[in-house]
C-alpha atoms as a PDB file:
ATOM      1  CA  MET A   1      -3.213  -5.431 -20.586  1.00  0.00           C
ATOM      2  CA  ASP A   2      -3.061  -8.257 -23.380  1.00  0.00           C
ATOM      3  CA  ASN A   3      -1.425 -10.493 -20.841  1.00  0.00           C
ATOM      4  CA  ASN A   4      -4.648 -10.588 -18.926  1.00  0.00           C
ATOM      5  CA  ARG A   5      -6.615 -11.849 -21.710  1.00  0.00           C
ATOM      6  CA  SER A   6      -5.500 -15.188 -20.534  1.00  0.00           C
ATOM      7  CA  ILE A   7      -7.760 -14.651 -17.618  1.00  0.00           C
ATOM      8  CA  SER A   8     -11.288 -16.087 -18.668  1.00  0.00           C
ATOM      9  CA  PHE A   9     -14.717 -15.551 -17.546  1.00  0.00           C
ATOM     10  CA  VAL A  10     -18.144 -16.923 -18.555  1.00  0.00           C
ATOM     11  CA  LEU A  11     -20.638 -14.452 -19.778  1.00  0.00           C
ATOM     12  CA  ALA A  12     -23.779 -15.973 -18.210  1.00  0.00           C
ATOM     13  CA  THR A  13     -26.385 -14.660 -20.775  1.00  0.00           C
ATOM     14  CA  ARG A  14     -27.821 -16.014 -23.967  1.00  0.00           C
ATOM     15  CA  ASN A  15     -29.063 -12.558 -24.858  1.00  0.00           C
ATOM     16  CA  SER A  16     -27.212 -11.447 -27.904  1.00  0.00           C
ATOM     17  CA  ASN A  17     -27.989  -7.905 -27.245  1.00  0.00           C
ATOM     18  CA  LYS A  18     -26.591  -7.957 -23.787  1.00  0.00           C
ATOM     19  CA  ILE A  19     -23.382  -9.682 -25.142  1.00  0.00           C
ATOM     20  CA  ARG A  20     -22.862  -6.964 -27.666  1.00  0.00           C
ATOM     21  CA  GLU A  21     -23.027  -4.251 -24.850  1.00  0.00           C
ATOM     22  CA  VAL A  22     -20.930  -5.951 -22.390  1.00  0.00           C
ATOM     23  CA  GLU A  23     -18.026  -7.430 -24.617  1.00  0.00           C
ATOM     24  CA  PRO A  24     -16.301  -4.205 -25.222  1.00  0.00           C
ATOM     25  CA  LEU A  25     -16.096  -3.431 -21.477  1.00  0.00           C
ATOM     26  CA  PHE A  26     -14.100  -6.639 -20.796  1.00  0.00           C
ATOM     27  CA  SER A  27     -11.521  -6.341 -23.542  1.00  0.00           C
ATOM     28  CA  ALA A  28      -8.963  -7.053 -20.838  1.00  0.00           C
ATOM     29  CA  PHE A  29     -10.235 -10.460 -20.390  1.00  0.00           C
ATOM     30  CA  SER A  30     -11.273 -13.476 -22.422  1.00  0.00           C
ATOM     31  CA  LEU A  31     -14.913 -13.857 -22.394  1.00  0.00           C
ATOM     32  CA  ILE A  32     -16.408 -17.474 -22.850  1.00  0.00           C
ATOM     33  CA  SER A  33     -19.976 -18.145 -24.006  1.00  0.00           C
ATOM     34  CA  MET A  34     -22.357 -20.253 -22.076  1.00  0.00           C
ATOM     35  CA  GLN A  35     -22.445 -22.734 -25.045  1.00  0.00           C
ATOM     36  CA  SER A  36     -18.676 -22.970 -25.294  1.00  0.00           C
ATOM     37  CA  ALA A  37     -18.423 -23.527 -21.397  1.00  0.00           C
ATOM     38  CA  ARG A  38     -21.167 -26.274 -21.988  1.00  0.00           C
ATOM     39  CA  ILE A  39     -23.613 -24.596 -19.349  1.00  0.00           C
ATOM     40  CA  ALA A  40     -26.781 -26.421 -19.431  1.00  0.00           C
ATOM     41  CA  GLY A  41     -30.345 -24.996 -18.319  1.00  0.00           C
ATOM     42  CA  GLU A  42     -31.229 -21.477 -17.000  1.00  0.00           C
ATOM     43  CA  ALA A  43     -30.633 -20.585 -13.463  1.00  0.00           C
ATOM     44  CA  GLU A  44     -34.158 -20.051 -11.564  1.00  0.00           C
ATOM     45  CA  GLU A  45     -34.388 -16.555 -10.698  1.00  0.00           C
ATOM     46  CA  THR A  46     -35.748 -16.722  -6.997  1.00  0.00           C
ATOM     47  CA  GLY A  47     -33.916 -13.423  -5.806  1.00  0.00           C
ATOM     48  CA  SER A  48     -36.035 -10.667  -4.350  1.00  0.00           C
ATOM     49  CA  THR A  49     -33.462  -8.031  -5.655  1.00  0.00           C
ATOM     50  CA  PHE A  50     -31.484  -7.413  -9.032  1.00  0.00           C
ATOM     51  CA  ALA A  51     -28.294  -8.128  -7.197  1.00  0.00           C
ATOM     52  CA  GLU A  52     -29.530 -11.613  -5.775  1.00  0.00           C
ATOM     53  CA  ASN A  53     -30.637 -12.647  -9.399  1.00  0.00           C
ATOM     54  CA  ALA A  54     -27.421 -11.622 -10.771  1.00  0.00           C
ATOM     55  CA  LEU A  55     -25.541 -13.646  -8.492  1.00  0.00           C
ATOM     56  CA  ILE A  56     -27.647 -16.572  -8.883  1.00  0.00           C
ATOM     57  CA  LYS A  57     -27.042 -16.548 -12.589  1.00  0.00           C
ATOM     58  CA  ALA A  58     -23.154 -16.078 -12.033  1.00  0.00           C
ATOM     59  CA  ARG A  59     -23.216 -18.767  -9.328  1.00  0.00           C
ATOM     60  CA  HIS A  60     -25.064 -21.078 -11.751  1.00  0.00           C
ATOM     61  CA  ALA A  61     -22.487 -20.736 -14.600  1.00  0.00           C
ATOM     62  CA  TYR A  62     -19.642 -21.010 -12.172  1.00  0.00           C
ATOM     63  CA  ALA A  63     -20.850 -24.155 -10.496  1.00  0.00           C
ATOM     64  CA  GLN A  64     -21.172 -26.046 -13.803  1.00  0.00           C
ATOM     65  CA  SER A  65     -17.942 -24.646 -15.443  1.00  0.00           C
ATOM     66  CA  LYS A  66     -15.801 -23.897 -12.388  1.00  0.00           C
ATOM     67  CA  ILE A  67     -14.791 -20.915 -14.601  1.00  0.00           C
ATOM     68  CA  PRO A  68     -15.226 -17.505 -12.988  1.00  0.00           C
ATOM     69  CA  ALA A  69     -18.518 -15.986 -14.298  1.00  0.00           C
ATOM     70  CA  ILE A  70     -20.142 -12.533 -14.826  1.00  0.00           C
ATOM     71  CA  ALA A  71     -23.747 -11.968 -14.984  1.00  0.00           C
ATOM     72  CA  ASP A  72     -26.507  -9.296 -14.626  1.00  0.00           C
ATOM     73  CA  ASP A  73     -30.117  -8.771 -13.850  1.00  0.00           C
ATOM     74  CA  SER A  74     -31.773  -5.508 -14.827  1.00  0.00           C
ATOM     75  CA  GLY A  75     -35.270  -4.089 -15.586  1.00  0.00           C
ATOM     76  CA  ILE A  76     -37.423  -1.114 -15.398  1.00  0.00           C
ATOM     77  CA  GLU A  77     -38.763   0.373 -12.089  1.00  0.00           C
ATOM     78  CA  VAL A  78     -41.725   2.704 -12.282  1.00  0.00           C
ATOM     79  CA  TYR A  79     -42.248   4.638  -9.241  1.00  0.00           C
ATOM     80  CA  ALA A  80     -45.984   5.115  -9.688  1.00  0.00           C
ATOM     81  CA  LEU A  81     -46.103   1.354  -9.718  1.00  0.00           C
ATOM     82  CA  ASN A  82     -44.134   0.925  -6.355  1.00  0.00           C
ATOM     83  CA  GLY A  83     -41.077  -0.295  -8.404  1.00  0.00           C
ATOM     84  CA  GLU A  84     -42.800  -2.663 -10.789  1.00  0.00           C
ATOM     85  CA  PRO A  85     -42.107  -4.427 -13.041  1.00  0.00           C
ATOM     86  CA  GLY A  86     -38.618  -4.421 -11.175  1.00  0.00           C
ATOM     87  CA  ILE A  87     -37.015  -7.853 -10.938  1.00  0.00           C
ATOM     88  CA  HIS A  88     -40.078  -9.333 -13.091  1.00  0.00           C
ATOM     89  CA  SER A  89     -39.391  -6.827 -16.166  1.00  0.00           C
ATOM     90  CA  ALA A  90     -38.367  -9.813 -18.624  1.00  0.00           C
ATOM     91  CA  ARG A  91     -41.492 -11.782 -17.866  1.00  0.00           C
ATOM     92  CA  TYR A  92     -43.942  -8.980 -16.791  1.00  0.00           C
ATOM     93  CA  SER A  93     -46.468 -10.214 -19.535  1.00  0.00           C
ATOM     94  CA  GLY A  94     -46.112 -13.612 -18.258  1.00  0.00           C
ATOM     95  CA  GLU A  95     -43.972 -14.924 -21.370  1.00  0.00           C
ATOM     96  CA  HIS A  96     -40.070 -14.370 -20.563  1.00  0.00           C
ATOM     97  CA  GLY A  97     -38.402 -12.244 -23.188  1.00  0.00           C
ATOM     98  CA  ASN A  98     -41.518 -10.899 -25.113  1.00  0.00           C
ATOM     99  CA  ASP A  99     -40.587  -7.379 -25.417  1.00  0.00           C
ATOM    100  CA  LYS A 100     -43.728  -6.353 -27.352  1.00  0.00           C
ATOM    101  CA  ALA A 101     -46.035  -8.031 -24.841  1.00  0.00           C
ATOM    102  CA  ASN A 102     -44.067  -6.454 -21.783  1.00  0.00           C
ATOM    103  CA  ASN A 103     -44.213  -2.966 -23.230  1.00  0.00           C
ATOM    104  CA  ALA A 104     -47.803  -3.039 -23.952  1.00  0.00           C
ATOM    105  CA  LYS A 105     -48.656  -4.455 -20.458  1.00  0.00           C
ATOM    106  CA  LEU A 106     -46.769  -1.650 -19.014  1.00  0.00           C
ATOM    107  CA  LEU A 107     -48.340   0.979 -21.107  1.00  0.00           C
ATOM    108  CA  GLU A 108     -51.626  -0.318 -20.181  1.00  0.00           C
ATOM    109  CA  ALA A 109     -50.699  -0.300 -16.575  1.00  0.00           C
ATOM    110  CA  MET A 110     -49.638   3.413 -16.983  1.00  0.00           C
ATOM    111  CA  ASP A 111     -52.767   4.510 -18.662  1.00  0.00           C
ATOM    112  CA  GLY A 112     -54.318   7.641 -17.032  1.00  0.00           C
ATOM    113  CA  ILE A 113     -51.154   8.011 -14.603  1.00  0.00           C
ATOM    114  CA  LYS A 114     -49.445  11.256 -14.888  1.00  0.00           C
ATOM    115  CA  ASP A 115     -46.464  10.414 -12.841  1.00  0.00           C
ATOM    116  CA  ARG A 116     -44.335   8.707 -15.413  1.00  0.00           C
ATOM    117  CA  ARG A 117     -41.027   8.747 -13.542  1.00  0.00           C
ATOM    118  CA  ALA A 118     -39.094   5.525 -13.803  1.00  0.00           C
ATOM    119  CA  ARG A 119     -35.451   4.249 -13.854  1.00  0.00           C
ATOM    120  CA  PHE A 120     -33.557   1.408 -15.592  1.00  0.00           C
ATOM    121  CA  PHE A 121     -31.527  -0.556 -12.946  1.00  0.00           C
ATOM    122  CA  CYS A 122     -28.928  -3.082 -13.373  1.00  0.00           C
ATOM    123  CA  ALA A 123     -26.847  -5.323 -11.086  1.00  0.00           C
ATOM    124  CA  ALA A 124     -23.693  -6.917 -12.445  1.00  0.00           C
ATOM    125  CA  ALA A 125     -22.119  -9.684 -10.562  1.00  0.00           C
ATOM    126  CA  ALA A 126     -18.968 -11.596 -10.842  1.00  0.00           C
ATOM    127  CA  VAL A 127     -18.301 -15.043  -9.189  1.00  0.00           C
ATOM    128  CA  LEU A 128     -14.526 -15.643  -8.809  1.00  0.00           C
ATOM    129  CA  SER A 129     -14.705 -18.709  -6.595  1.00  0.00           C
ATOM    130  CA  ASP A 130     -16.759 -20.402  -3.942  1.00  0.00           C
ATOM    131  CA  GLU A 131     -15.504 -17.530  -1.587  1.00  0.00           C
ATOM    132  CA  GLU A 132     -15.291 -14.484  -3.649  1.00  0.00           C
ATOM    133  CA  GLU A 133     -18.115 -12.598  -5.400  1.00  0.00           C
ATOM    134  CA  ILE A 134     -18.558  -8.860  -6.580  1.00  0.00           C
ATOM    135  CA  VAL A 135     -21.482  -6.968  -7.118  1.00  0.00           C
ATOM    136  CA  CYS A 136     -21.960  -3.635  -8.801  1.00  0.00           C
ATOM    137  CA  GLU A 137     -25.025  -1.622  -9.689  1.00  0.00           C
ATOM    138  CA  GLY A 138     -25.962   1.280 -12.145  1.00  0.00           C
ATOM    139  CA  PHE A 139     -29.262   3.103 -13.001  1.00  0.00           C
ATOM    140  CA  VAL A 140     -30.377   5.648 -15.243  1.00  0.00           C
ATOM    141  CA  GLU A 141     -33.403   7.956 -14.462  1.00  0.00           C
ATOM    142  CA  GLY A 142     -36.131   8.710 -16.928  1.00  0.00           C
ATOM    143  CA  TYR A 143     -39.758   8.433 -17.445  1.00  0.00           C
ATOM    144  CA  VAL A 144     -42.249   6.100 -19.328  1.00  0.00           C
ATOM    145  CA  ALA A 145     -43.486   7.477 -22.728  1.00  0.00           C
ATOM    146  CA  TYR A 146     -47.108   7.254 -23.916  1.00  0.00           C
ATOM    147  CA  ASP A 147     -46.392   4.898 -26.785  1.00  0.00           C
ATOM    148  CA  GLU A 148     -43.739   2.854 -28.516  1.00  0.00           C
ATOM    149  CA  LYS A 149     -40.957   4.322 -30.868  1.00  0.00           C
ATOM    150  CA  GLY A 150     -37.792   3.519 -32.515  1.00  0.00           C
ATOM    151  CA  SER A 151     -36.149   0.442 -33.846  1.00  0.00           C
ATOM    152  CA  GLU A 152     -33.004   0.174 -31.908  1.00  0.00           C
ATOM    153  CA  GLY A 153     -32.403  -1.578 -28.428  1.00  0.00           C
ATOM    154  CA  PHE A 154     -34.454  -4.210 -26.886  1.00  0.00           C
ATOM    155  CA  GLY A 155     -36.519  -4.639 -23.701  1.00  0.00           C
ATOM    156  CA  TYR A 156     -38.338  -1.365 -22.717  1.00  0.00           C
ATOM    157  CA  ASP A 157     -36.042   0.802 -24.725  1.00  0.00           C
ATOM    158  CA  SER A 158     -38.871   1.826 -26.983  1.00  0.00           C
ATOM    159  CA  ILE A 159     -40.893   3.375 -24.258  1.00  0.00           C
ATOM    160  CA  PHE A 160     -38.175   4.628 -21.865  1.00  0.00           C
ATOM    161  CA  ILE A 161     -37.070   8.243 -22.248  1.00  0.00           C
ATOM    162  CA  ALA A 162     -33.797   9.053 -20.406  1.00  0.00           C
ATOM    163  CA  LEU A 163     -33.943  12.122 -18.271  1.00  0.00           C
ATOM    164  CA  GLU A 164     -30.314  13.233 -18.886  1.00  0.00           C
ATOM    165  CA  THR A 165     -30.781  13.242 -22.671  1.00  0.00           C
ATOM    166  CA  GLY A 166     -34.285  13.353 -23.460  1.00  0.00           C
ATOM    167  CA  GLU A 167     -34.059  10.622 -25.854  1.00  0.00           C
ATOM    168  CA  ARG A 168     -35.390   6.935 -26.108  1.00  0.00           C
ATOM    169  CA  TYR A 169     -32.832   4.278 -26.171  1.00  0.00           C
ATOM    170  CA  SER A 170     -34.605   2.742 -29.119  1.00  0.00           C
ATOM    171  CA  GLU A 171     -33.868   6.064 -31.112  1.00  0.00           C
ATOM    172  CA  ILE A 172     -30.267   6.233 -30.705  1.00  0.00           C
ATOM    173  CA  ALA A 173     -27.496   4.240 -32.057  1.00  0.00           C
ATOM    174  CA  MET A 174     -26.341   1.298 -30.238  1.00  0.00           C
ATOM    175  CA  ASP A 175     -22.804   2.595 -29.580  1.00  0.00           C
ATOM    176  CA  LYS A 176     -24.044   5.721 -28.160  1.00  0.00           C
ATOM    177  CA  LYS A 177     -26.684   3.850 -25.783  1.00  0.00           C
ATOM    178  CA  ASN A 178     -23.686   1.496 -24.752  1.00  0.00           C
ATOM    179  CA  LYS A 179     -22.010   4.345 -23.306  1.00  0.00           C
ATOM    180  CA  ILE A 180     -24.747   5.780 -21.138  1.00  0.00           C
ATOM    181  CA  SER A 181     -26.945   3.045 -20.191  1.00  0.00           C
ATOM    182  CA  HIS A 182     -27.652   1.383 -16.737  1.00  0.00           C
ATOM    183  CA  ARG A 183     -25.952  -1.728 -17.972  1.00  0.00           C
ATOM    184  CA  TYR A 184     -22.810   0.226 -19.110  1.00  0.00           C
ATOM    185  CA  ILE A 185     -22.711   1.896 -15.607  1.00  0.00           C
ATOM    186  CA  ALA A 186     -22.876  -1.280 -13.784  1.00  0.00           C
ATOM    187  CA  PHE A 187     -20.544  -3.438 -15.923  1.00  0.00           C
ATOM    188  CA  SER A 188     -18.094  -0.430 -16.104  1.00  0.00           C
ATOM    189  CA  LYS A 189     -17.773  -0.417 -12.244  1.00  0.00           C
ATOM    190  CA  LEU A 190     -17.562  -4.401 -12.291  1.00  0.00           C
ATOM    191  CA  ALA A 191     -14.751  -4.376 -15.092  1.00  0.00           C
ATOM    192  CA  LYS A 192     -12.882  -1.713 -13.024  1.00  0.00           C
ATOM    193  CA  ALA A 193     -13.233  -3.688  -9.803  1.00  0.00           C
ATOM    194  CA  LEU A 194     -12.235  -6.928 -11.452  1.00  0.00           C
ATOM    195  CA  GLY A 195      -9.292  -5.193 -13.035  1.00  0.00           C
ATOM    196  CA  GLU A 196      -8.126  -3.828  -9.583  1.00  0.00           C
ATOM    197  CA  ARG A 197      -8.695  -7.174  -8.087  1.00  0.00           C
ATOM    198  CA  LEU A 198      -6.754  -9.035 -10.701  1.00  0.00           C
ATOM    199  CA  GLY A 199      -4.028  -6.594 -11.468  1.00  0.00           C
ATOM    200  CA  CYS A 200      -5.239  -5.560 -14.799  1.00  0.00           C
END
């Protein structure tokens, strides 16, 4: 296993929370930050699905560095809102990455709606070369709470209650969340697929 740490991947995200979640799953490989790989700018997420956007981000990192890259796109899909915010989750309020504003807008959109069912969805992608790409997906069912609580996590964690555990991601320790989240499911599948592909 240790020999494969010579196999490097650019982790195509600048989100420190995502980095902490993902790194343990790829211990067999050497992960390189976007800064270390000298990747400039951000990929324009023009895809219509999480998978398309994850690939766009991984391709962007690979094109600039010529190092295999991994990336994800994730968000919350609310059934009563026809899957919104979906791929627009990070910029739902109009400002990219403003968790408080995004949560406030979603709670406002859900005002008076009894059907609170939702799911967290993640697509994790790897670009190994110009010809080879892998995409894996994961999701967790749950529902939207009526208010914000908790100080752990990020994104919509403070208003999402997982169906399986009955807990908000914002109220459980990060190490526990990292073993049950949609991102964990998707990236675990990707790590396994890469391990099999590269003989790890």
